[in-house]
Protein backbone atom coordinates (compact mmCIF):
# COMPACT_ATOMS: atom_id res chain seq x y z
CA MET A 1 0.00 0.00 0.00
CA ALA A 2 1.51 3.28 -1.13
CA GLN A 3 2.10 5.92 1.48
CA ALA A 4 0.28 9.21 1.05
CA ALA A 5 2.50 12.15 0.17
CA PHE A 6 2.27 15.04 2.57
CA ALA A 7 2.97 18.57 1.37
CA PRO A 8 5.05 20.64 3.77
CA GLU A 9 3.03 23.05 5.83
CA PRO A 10 3.44 26.67 4.76
CA ALA A 11 5.47 28.81 7.12
CA PRO A 12 3.22 30.72 9.50
CA GLN A 13 2.86 34.39 8.73
CA PRO A 14 3.60 36.72 11.64
CA ALA A 15 0.60 38.38 13.28
CA GLU A 16 2.21 41.79 12.76
CA PRO A 17 5.03 43.14 10.57
CA SER A 18 8.32 41.44 11.43
CA PHE A 19 11.75 40.93 9.90
CA ASP A 20 11.21 37.20 10.55
CA VAL A 21 9.36 37.15 7.23
CA LEU A 22 12.71 37.47 5.45
CA ARG A 23 13.51 33.90 6.55
CA TRP A 24 10.54 32.22 4.92
CA HIS A 25 9.26 34.44 2.11
CA ASP A 26 10.93 33.04 -1.01
CA GLU A 27 8.82 34.71 -3.69
CA PRO A 28 9.97 37.91 -5.44
CA TRP A 29 9.47 40.97 -3.29
CA THR A 30 7.54 44.08 -4.32
CA ALA A 31 7.34 47.50 -2.76
CA GLN A 32 3.83 46.81 -1.48
CA LEU A 33 4.83 43.48 0.07
CA ALA A 34 7.67 45.15 1.92
CA LEU A 35 5.39 47.89 3.21
CA ASP A 36 2.80 45.31 4.30
CA LEU A 37 5.05 42.64 5.84
CA LEU A 38 8.13 44.44 7.16
CA PRO A 39 8.10 46.70 10.22
CA GLU A 40 8.80 50.41 10.11
CA THR A 41 12.31 51.17 11.27
CA ASN A 42 14.47 54.13 12.20
CA GLY A 43 17.52 51.93 11.75
CA PRO A 44 18.80 50.50 8.47
CA LYS A 45 17.23 51.35 5.13
CA VAL A 46 15.07 48.55 3.76
CA GLU A 47 14.53 48.87 0.01
CA VAL A 48 13.29 46.60 -2.80
CA LEU A 49 15.00 46.36 -6.17
CA SER A 50 14.27 43.81 -8.91
CA GLY A 51 12.41 41.50 -6.52
CA SER A 52 15.04 41.49 -3.76
CA VAL A 53 15.09 43.16 -0.35
CA ILE A 54 18.17 45.31 0.19
CA VAL A 55 19.10 46.25 3.76
CA THR A 56 21.65 49.04 4.21
CA PRO A 57 23.07 50.10 7.60
CA HIS A 58 23.45 53.74 8.54
CA ALA A 59 26.37 55.50 6.88
CA GLY A 60 29.07 57.44 8.74
CA ILE A 61 28.59 60.54 10.88
CA ASP A 62 29.50 62.94 8.06
CA HIS A 63 26.70 61.43 5.98
CA GLN A 64 24.28 61.91 8.86
CA SER A 65 25.41 65.51 9.35
CA VAL A 66 24.62 66.36 5.74
CA GLU A 67 21.34 64.46 5.92
CA ARG A 68 20.37 66.54 8.95
CA GLU A 69 21.28 69.92 7.48
CA LEU A 70 20.61 69.75 3.74
CA PRO A 71 17.00 68.48 3.65
CA TYR A 72 16.04 71.14 6.21
CA LEU A 73 17.58 73.93 4.12
CA LEU A 74 16.15 72.53 0.89
CA HIS A 75 12.68 72.22 2.42
CA ARG A 76 12.65 75.87 3.43
CA ALA A 77 13.63 76.92 -0.09
CA ALA A 78 11.24 74.43 -1.71
CA ARG A 79 8.25 75.71 0.29
CA ARG A 80 8.68 79.15 -1.26
CA ALA A 81 8.10 77.43 -4.62
CA GLY A 82 5.13 75.40 -3.37
CA LEU A 83 7.15 72.19 -3.04
CA TRP A 84 7.98 69.91 -0.08
CA GLY A 85 11.34 68.52 1.01
CA TYR A 86 11.99 65.37 3.08
CA PRO A 87 14.85 63.11 4.17
CA GLU A 88 14.63 59.33 3.65
CA ILE A 89 11.01 58.72 2.62
CA ASN A 90 9.54 55.56 1.06
CA LEU A 91 9.18 55.98 -2.70
CA ILE A 92 7.32 53.42 -4.78
CA SER A 93 8.45 52.94 -8.38
CA GLY A 94 6.49 50.06 -9.87
CA ASP A 95 7.50 47.02 -7.80
CA ASN A 96 10.61 48.78 -6.48
CA LEU A 97 10.86 50.59 -3.17
CA PHE A 98 13.49 53.32 -2.89
CA ILE A 99 14.53 55.40 0.11
CA PRO A 100 16.54 58.33 -1.28
CA ASP A 101 18.54 60.47 1.12
CA ILE A 102 16.64 63.57 -0.06
CA ALA A 103 13.31 64.00 -1.81
CA VAL A 104 11.48 67.11 -3.00
CA LEU A 105 7.83 66.46 -3.82
CA ARG A 106 5.10 68.27 -5.69
CA ARG A 107 2.74 67.92 -2.72
CA SER A 108 2.92 67.17 0.96
CA GLY A 109 3.52 63.60 2.04
CA GLY A 110 1.77 64.23 5.34
CA GLY A 111 -0.23 61.26 6.66
CA ARG A 112 1.21 58.75 4.18
CA SER A 113 3.79 56.01 4.68
CA ALA A 114 4.91 55.93 1.03
CA ILE A 115 4.78 58.16 -2.05
CA ASP A 116 4.67 57.29 -5.74
CA ILE A 117 7.88 58.34 -7.46
CA ALA A 118 5.81 60.34 -9.95
CA GLU A 119 5.35 62.93 -7.16
CA ALA A 120 9.12 63.55 -6.98
CA VAL A 121 10.55 66.70 -8.54
CA LEU A 122 14.08 66.16 -7.23
CA LEU A 123 15.80 63.20 -5.59
CA GLY A 124 19.20 63.31 -3.98
CA GLU A 125 21.84 60.91 -2.73
CA ILE A 126 24.73 61.53 -0.34
CA VAL A 127 27.56 59.37 -1.64
CA SER A 128 28.76 56.80 0.88
CA PRO A 129 32.20 55.16 0.42
CA GLY A 130 30.70 51.68 0.75
CA ASN A 131 27.89 52.39 -1.73
CA ARG A 132 29.63 54.62 -4.23
CA ARG A 133 28.46 52.74 -7.34
CA LYS A 134 24.88 52.71 -6.09
CA ASP A 135 24.81 56.44 -5.32
CA VAL A 136 26.74 57.60 -8.41
CA ILE A 137 25.57 55.19 -11.12
CA ASP A 138 22.82 52.73 -10.20
CA ARG A 139 20.37 54.91 -8.29
CA PRO A 140 20.47 57.89 -10.67
CA ARG A 141 19.83 55.47 -13.53
CA GLU A 142 16.73 54.16 -11.74
CA TYR A 143 15.47 57.67 -11.01
CA ALA A 144 16.02 58.74 -14.61
CA ALA A 145 14.11 55.69 -15.87
CA ALA A 146 11.22 56.70 -13.61
CA GLY A 147 11.22 60.21 -15.08
CA VAL A 148 12.33 62.21 -12.03
CA PRO A 149 13.19 65.66 -13.45
CA PHE A 150 16.20 66.52 -11.24
CA PHE A 151 18.91 64.61 -9.38
CA LEU A 152 21.18 66.06 -6.68
CA ARG A 153 24.42 64.39 -5.60
CA VAL A 154 26.49 65.25 -2.54
CA ASP A 155 29.98 63.77 -2.48
CA LEU A 156 32.00 63.71 0.75
CA ARG A 157 35.24 62.28 -0.61
CA ASN A 158 38.19 63.20 1.66
CA ARG A 159 35.78 65.26 3.78
CA VAL A 160 35.65 67.99 1.12
CA PRO A 161 31.91 68.23 0.37
CA ALA A 162 30.90 68.82 -3.25
CA MET A 163 27.42 69.13 -4.72
CA ALA A 164 26.16 68.65 -8.28
CA LEU A 165 22.70 69.11 -9.76
CA TYR A 166 21.54 67.24 -12.85
CA GLU A 167 18.49 67.69 -15.10
CA LEU A 168 16.76 64.88 -16.97
CA THR A 169 17.25 65.40 -20.71
CA ASP A 170 16.42 62.75 -23.32
CA GLY A 171 16.29 60.06 -20.63
CA GLU A 172 19.66 60.92 -19.03
CA TYR A 173 20.82 63.31 -16.34
CA ARG A 174 22.90 66.19 -17.66
CA PRO A 175 24.85 68.52 -15.30
CA LEU A 176 23.36 71.91 -14.49
CA SER A 177 25.52 73.25 -11.66
CA ALA A 178 28.23 72.14 -9.26
CA ALA A 179 30.37 73.51 -6.44
CA ALA A 180 32.84 72.30 -3.85
CA ALA A 181 33.46 73.36 -0.24
CA GLY A 182 34.50 76.98 0.07
CA THR A 183 32.39 78.10 -2.90
CA THR A 184 28.67 78.62 -3.39
CA PHE A 185 26.47 75.92 -4.86
CA LEU A 186 23.68 77.76 -6.69
CA MET A 187 20.66 76.34 -8.41
CA LYS A 188 17.74 78.04 -10.17
CA GLN A 189 15.67 74.93 -10.94
CA PRO A 190 13.40 73.42 -9.78
CA PHE A 191 13.58 76.29 -7.24
CA GLU A 192 16.17 78.80 -6.14
CA PHE A 193 18.64 77.57 -3.54
CA SER A 194 22.23 78.26 -2.54
CA VAL A 195 24.66 76.91 0.06
CA ASP A 196 28.37 76.51 0.69
CA PRO A 197 28.80 72.71 0.84
CA ALA A 198 31.35 73.19 3.64
CA ASP A 199 28.53 74.37 5.93
CA LEU A 200 26.88 70.93 5.78
CA LEU A 201 29.58 69.14 7.81
CA ASP A 202 30.02 69.32 11.57
CA GLU A 203 33.37 70.78 12.53
CA GLU A 204 34.86 71.54 15.94
CA ALA A 205 35.34 75.21 16.71
CA PRO A 206 38.99 76.23 17.07
CA GLU A 207 40.14 75.60 20.63
CA ALA A 208 40.80 79.26 21.37
CA GLN A 209 37.29 80.23 20.23
CA ALA A 210 35.73 77.38 22.14
CA ASP A 211 37.41 78.68 25.32
CA GLY A 212 36.22 82.22 24.66
CA GLU A 213 39.70 83.55 23.86
CA VAL A 214 40.34 86.19 21.24
């Protein structure tokens, strides 16, 4: 008498979002699946690209300094043009889920956990040494394919901040303006904004000044 074949029981789904799902979910991931099944986090970035979940730890302190200062300054300038600036928001692009370092949107993201990439006017990345190809080549290519009009890159190589703005032209980003620390980065589109990239990094005051000496 032949024995009956028993199919393996499916892995139990967690009652609430949990990273445990990464151990048993073996189907291609989508942005919506990640938003539904994975917990919100203030820790590492959790993105989805081409069906895979990509987890990225926080970058160095210089990166965090720029990410604290620049989105705040950009938001203030963007509001004068009727736009909205944010750091590290969930952006849905088809089945992909991106979390750019900087996003400027056509309308407020208030009350939402994710925004369609079509709402983005400008996306920006702060180049990390461990993710240089992603920030310089891969991610801009994805943003261009999604039709995002402007891309902003901040490079911290050798702790000399440099900024460059690109505009989408014929499916590719073409440079509009650039500046390094000690000079003024100036842009006119998609809104007016200027900053010395050097002001984005935290630096200790000279010891004499810190002690109140002249």
